[in-house]
Amino acid sequence: MERKFEFHNSVFAPWIKDNKATLEKCLTCDLSMMRLDKVIKDEKDLPKVAKIIHKNMSIIKDMHLDILGSTDNVPYITWLDVTDFCTKCKFLDN
């Protein structure tokens, strides 16, 4: 018996491939929940940070999935997971 995977008949059928519209929708939702004003003190910097996040949204999404795949807390990413990722990437200094 040969098995043939048919995407349209699988549990993945409703999955929508990322495109500009889906990433925009995610970004809008994420930015509304990030509370960047708690981290960024100068209000003039908020649109600049949002623009950088917007420009790199697909990379950030891939990084998110990478971290998610390396944690035992699926579907959550803890601060410890983020810290470990940042340490591995050498984002943090002493």
N, C-alpha and C. Protein backbone atom coordinates (compact mmCIF):
# COMPACT_ATOMS: atom_id res chain seq x y z
N MET A 1 0.84 -1.18 0.00
CA MET A 1 0.00 0.00 0.00
C MET A 1 0.89 1.25 0.00
N GLU A 2 0.64 2.09 -0.94
CA GLU A 2 1.41 3.33 -1.04
C GLU A 2 0.57 4.47 -0.47
N ARG A 3 1.18 5.25 0.39
CA ARG A 3 0.48 6.40 0.96
C ARG A 3 0.87 7.65 0.18
N LYS A 4 -0.13 8.44 -0.08
CA LYS A 4 0.11 9.67 -0.82
C LYS A 4 -0.45 10.83 0.01
N PHE A 5 0.41 11.77 0.32
CA PHE A 5 -0.03 12.94 1.09
C PHE A 5 -0.75 13.91 0.17
N GLU A 6 -1.96 14.26 0.58
CA GLU A 6 -2.75 15.24 -0.17
C GLU A 6 -3.04 16.42 0.77
N PHE A 7 -2.37 17.49 0.50
CA PHE A 7 -2.46 18.67 1.37
C PHE A 7 -3.91 19.08 1.59
N HIS A 8 -4.70 19.15 0.54
CA HIS A 8 -6.08 19.64 0.64
C HIS A 8 -6.98 18.73 1.47
N ASN A 9 -6.54 17.48 1.70
CA ASN A 9 -7.31 16.54 2.53
C ASN A 9 -6.69 16.34 3.91
N SER A 10 -5.74 17.15 4.26
CA SER A 10 -5.03 16.98 5.53
C SER A 10 -5.50 18.01 6.57
N VAL A 11 -4.99 17.86 7.77
CA VAL A 11 -5.30 18.83 8.83
C VAL A 11 -4.68 20.19 8.51
N PHE A 12 -3.77 20.24 7.56
CA PHE A 12 -3.12 21.48 7.18
C PHE A 12 -3.88 22.26 6.11
N ALA A 13 -4.97 21.70 5.62
CA ALA A 13 -5.72 22.33 4.52
C ALA A 13 -6.11 23.78 4.79
N PRO A 14 -6.53 24.15 6.02
CA PRO A 14 -6.91 25.55 6.25
C PRO A 14 -5.73 26.52 6.37
N TRP A 15 -4.51 25.97 6.40
CA TRP A 15 -3.32 26.80 6.56
C TRP A 15 -3.20 27.77 5.39
N ILE A 16 -2.86 29.01 5.72
CA ILE A 16 -2.69 30.04 4.70
C ILE A 16 -1.21 30.44 4.68
N LYS A 17 -0.62 30.34 3.53
CA LYS A 17 0.79 30.73 3.38
C LYS A 17 0.93 32.21 3.68
N ASP A 18 2.02 32.56 4.34
CA ASP A 18 2.27 33.97 4.65
C ASP A 18 2.33 34.80 3.38
N ASN A 19 1.74 35.96 3.46
CA ASN A 19 1.84 36.94 2.39
C ASN A 19 1.86 38.31 3.05
N LYS A 20 1.94 39.33 2.26
CA LYS A 20 2.05 40.68 2.81
C LYS A 20 0.86 41.01 3.71
N ALA A 21 -0.33 40.61 3.31
CA ALA A 21 -1.54 40.93 4.08
C ALA A 21 -1.56 40.20 5.42
N THR A 22 -1.17 38.92 5.44
CA THR A 22 -1.19 38.19 6.71
C THR A 22 -0.12 38.72 7.67
N LEU A 23 1.05 39.07 7.12
CA LEU A 23 2.09 39.63 7.97
C LEU A 23 1.68 41.00 8.51
N GLU A 24 1.01 41.80 7.70
CA GLU A 24 0.52 43.11 8.16
C GLU A 24 -0.49 42.94 9.30
N LYS A 25 -1.37 41.97 9.14
CA LYS A 25 -2.38 41.70 10.16
C LYS A 25 -1.71 41.27 11.47
N CYS A 26 -0.73 40.39 11.36
CA CYS A 26 0.02 39.96 12.54
C CYS A 26 0.75 41.12 13.20
N LEU A 27 1.39 41.92 12.38
CA LEU A 27 2.13 43.06 12.90
C LEU A 27 1.21 44.03 13.63
N THR A 28 0.07 44.33 13.06
CA THR A 28 -0.88 45.25 13.70
C THR A 28 -1.29 44.71 15.06
N CYS A 29 -1.61 43.44 15.10
CA CYS A 29 -2.01 42.80 16.36
C CYS A 29 -0.85 42.80 17.36
N ASP A 30 0.33 42.39 16.91
CA ASP A 30 1.49 42.33 17.79
C ASP A 30 1.86 43.70 18.36
N LEU A 31 1.87 44.71 17.50
CA LEU A 31 2.22 46.06 17.97
C LEU A 31 1.22 46.57 19.00
N SER A 32 -0.04 46.19 18.85
CA SER A 32 -1.05 46.65 19.82
C SER A 32 -0.86 46.00 21.18
N MET A 33 -0.18 44.85 21.21
CA MET A 33 0.01 44.12 22.47
C MET A 33 1.41 44.26 23.07
N MET A 34 2.34 44.82 22.32
CA MET A 34 3.73 44.88 22.76
C MET A 34 3.98 45.86 23.91
N ARG A 35 3.17 46.85 24.00
CA ARG A 35 3.35 47.90 25.01
C ARG A 35 4.76 48.50 24.94
N LEU A 36 5.15 48.86 23.71
CA LEU A 36 6.48 49.42 23.49
C LEU A 36 6.72 50.69 24.30
N ASP A 37 5.65 51.40 24.61
CA ASP A 37 5.79 52.64 25.39
C ASP A 37 6.34 52.37 26.79
N LYS A 38 6.26 51.14 27.27
CA LYS A 38 6.82 50.78 28.57
C LYS A 38 8.33 50.58 28.49
N VAL A 39 8.82 50.27 27.29
CA VAL A 39 10.24 49.98 27.10
C VAL A 39 10.97 51.17 26.49
N ILE A 40 10.29 51.86 25.57
CA ILE A 40 10.90 52.97 24.85
C ILE A 40 10.38 54.27 25.44
N LYS A 41 11.27 55.00 26.04
CA LYS A 41 10.87 56.19 26.80
C LYS A 41 10.59 57.40 25.92
N ASP A 42 11.34 57.56 24.85
CA ASP A 42 11.16 58.73 23.98
C ASP A 42 10.07 58.42 22.95
N GLU A 43 8.97 59.12 23.03
CA GLU A 43 7.83 58.88 22.13
C GLU A 43 8.20 59.02 20.66
N LYS A 44 9.19 59.84 20.37
CA LYS A 44 9.60 60.02 18.98
C LYS A 44 10.22 58.74 18.40
N ASP A 45 10.71 57.87 19.27
CA ASP A 45 11.34 56.63 18.82
C ASP A 45 10.33 55.52 18.52
N LEU A 46 9.12 55.63 19.03
CA LEU A 46 8.11 54.57 18.84
C LEU A 46 7.83 54.28 17.36
N PRO A 47 7.57 55.29 16.53
CA PRO A 47 7.34 54.98 15.11
C PRO A 47 8.57 54.40 14.42
N LYS A 48 9.75 54.81 14.85
CA LYS A 48 10.98 54.28 14.26
C LYS A 48 11.13 52.79 14.58
N VAL A 49 10.85 52.43 15.83
CA VAL A 49 10.94 51.03 16.23
C VAL A 49 9.88 50.21 15.49
N ALA A 50 8.67 50.73 15.40
CA ALA A 50 7.60 50.03 14.68
C ALA A 50 8.00 49.82 13.22
N LYS A 51 8.66 50.79 12.63
CA LYS A 51 9.10 50.68 11.23
C LYS A 51 10.16 49.58 11.08
N ILE A 52 11.07 49.50 12.03
CA ILE A 52 12.12 48.47 12.00
C ILE A 52 11.48 47.08 12.16
N ILE A 53 10.54 46.97 13.09
CA ILE A 53 9.85 45.70 13.29
C ILE A 53 9.09 45.33 12.01
N HIS A 54 8.43 46.31 11.42
CA HIS A 54 7.67 46.08 10.18
C HIS A 54 8.59 45.57 9.07
N LYS A 55 9.73 46.20 8.93
CA LYS A 55 10.68 45.84 7.88
C LYS A 55 11.20 44.41 8.05
N ASN A 56 11.29 43.96 9.29
CA ASN A 56 11.90 42.66 9.58
C ASN A 56 10.89 41.62 10.08
N MET A 57 9.62 41.86 9.84
CA MET A 57 8.57 41.00 10.39
C MET A 57 8.72 39.53 9.99
N SER A 58 9.04 39.24 8.76
CA SER A 58 9.16 37.83 8.34
C SER A 58 10.33 37.15 9.04
N ILE A 59 11.42 37.88 9.25
CA ILE A 59 12.58 37.33 9.96
C ILE A 59 12.22 37.10 11.43
N ILE A 60 11.53 38.06 12.02
CA ILE A 60 11.13 37.94 13.43
C ILE A 60 10.20 36.74 13.59
N LYS A 61 9.28 36.55 12.65
CA LYS A 61 8.37 35.40 12.71
C LYS A 61 9.16 34.10 12.66
N ASP A 62 10.14 34.02 11.77
CA ASP A 62 10.96 32.82 11.67
C ASP A 62 11.76 32.58 12.96
N MET A 63 12.26 33.64 13.56
CA MET A 63 12.98 33.52 14.83
C MET A 63 12.03 33.02 15.92
N HIS A 64 10.82 33.54 15.91
CA HIS A 64 9.81 33.12 16.89
C HIS A 64 9.57 31.61 16.76
N LEU A 65 9.40 31.13 15.54
CA LEU A 65 9.18 29.71 15.31
C LEU A 65 10.39 28.88 15.73
N ASP A 66 11.58 29.42 15.51
CA ASP A 66 12.81 28.73 15.90
C ASP A 66 12.87 28.58 17.42
N ILE A 67 12.57 29.66 18.13
CA ILE A 67 12.57 29.60 19.60
C ILE A 67 11.49 28.64 20.08
N LEU A 68 10.32 28.73 19.48
CA LEU A 68 9.20 27.87 19.86
C LEU A 68 9.54 26.40 19.68
N GLY A 69 10.29 26.11 18.64
CA GLY A 69 10.68 24.73 18.37
C GLY A 69 11.74 24.20 19.31
N SER A 70 12.39 25.09 20.05
CA SER A 70 13.47 24.66 20.94
C SER A 70 13.08 24.73 22.42
N THR A 71 11.80 24.99 22.70
CA THR A 71 11.36 25.09 24.09
C THR A 71 10.49 23.90 24.48
N ASP A 72 10.45 23.64 25.76
CA ASP A 72 9.57 22.57 26.27
C ASP A 72 8.21 23.12 26.64
N ASN A 73 8.00 24.41 26.43
CA ASN A 73 6.78 25.07 26.90
C ASN A 73 5.79 25.38 25.78
N VAL A 74 5.84 24.62 24.70
CA VAL A 74 4.96 24.87 23.56
C VAL A 74 3.52 24.95 24.05
N PRO A 75 2.73 25.90 23.68
CA PRO A 75 2.97 26.91 22.65
C PRO A 75 3.47 28.24 23.21
N TYR A 76 4.09 28.23 24.36
CA TYR A 76 4.54 29.48 24.99
C TYR A 76 6.04 29.65 24.89
N ILE A 77 6.46 30.89 24.84
CA ILE A 77 7.88 31.23 24.90
C ILE A 77 8.06 32.04 26.18
N THR A 78 8.87 31.52 27.08
CA THR A 78 9.11 32.20 28.35
C THR A 78 10.25 33.20 28.19
N TRP A 79 10.39 34.08 29.18
CA TRP A 79 11.51 35.02 29.15
C TRP A 79 12.84 34.29 29.20
N LEU A 80 12.86 33.15 29.88
CA LEU A 80 14.08 32.35 29.92
C LEU A 80 14.44 31.84 28.52
N ASP A 81 13.43 31.43 27.76
CA ASP A 81 13.66 31.00 26.37
C ASP A 81 14.23 32.14 25.54
N VAL A 82 13.66 33.33 25.70
CA VAL A 82 14.13 34.50 24.95
C VAL A 82 15.55 34.85 25.36
N THR A 83 15.83 34.80 26.66
CA THR A 83 17.17 35.10 27.15
C THR A 83 18.18 34.10 26.60
N ASP A 84 17.82 32.81 26.61
CA ASP A 84 18.71 31.78 26.05
C ASP A 84 18.98 32.05 24.57
N PHE A 85 17.93 32.38 23.83
CA PHE A 85 18.09 32.67 22.40
C PHE A 85 19.01 33.88 22.20
N CYS A 86 18.77 34.94 22.97
CA CYS A 86 19.59 36.15 22.84
C CYS A 86 21.05 35.88 23.21
N THR A 87 21.26 35.03 24.19
CA THR A 87 22.62 34.67 24.59
C THR A 87 23.31 33.89 23.47
N LYS A 88 22.62 32.92 22.90
CA LYS A 88 23.18 32.14 21.79
C LYS A 88 23.53 33.00 20.60
N CYS A 89 22.69 34.02 20.35
CA CYS A 89 22.92 34.91 19.21
C CYS A 89 23.89 36.04 19.55
N LYS A 90 24.34 36.07 20.80
CA LYS A 90 25.27 37.10 21.28
C LYS A 90 24.67 38.50 21.17
N PHE A 91 23.35 38.60 21.45
CA PHE A 91 22.68 39.89 21.49
C PHE A 91 22.96 40.62 22.79
N LEU A 92 23.32 39.86 23.82
CA LEU A 92 23.50 40.41 25.16
C LEU A 92 24.97 40.60 25.46
N ASP A 93 25.26 41.67 26.18
CA ASP A 93 26.63 41.86 26.64
C ASP A 93 26.65 41.60 28.14
N ASN A 94 27.82 41.73 28.72
CA ASN A 94 27.94 41.47 30.16
C ASN A 94 27.33 42.60 30.93
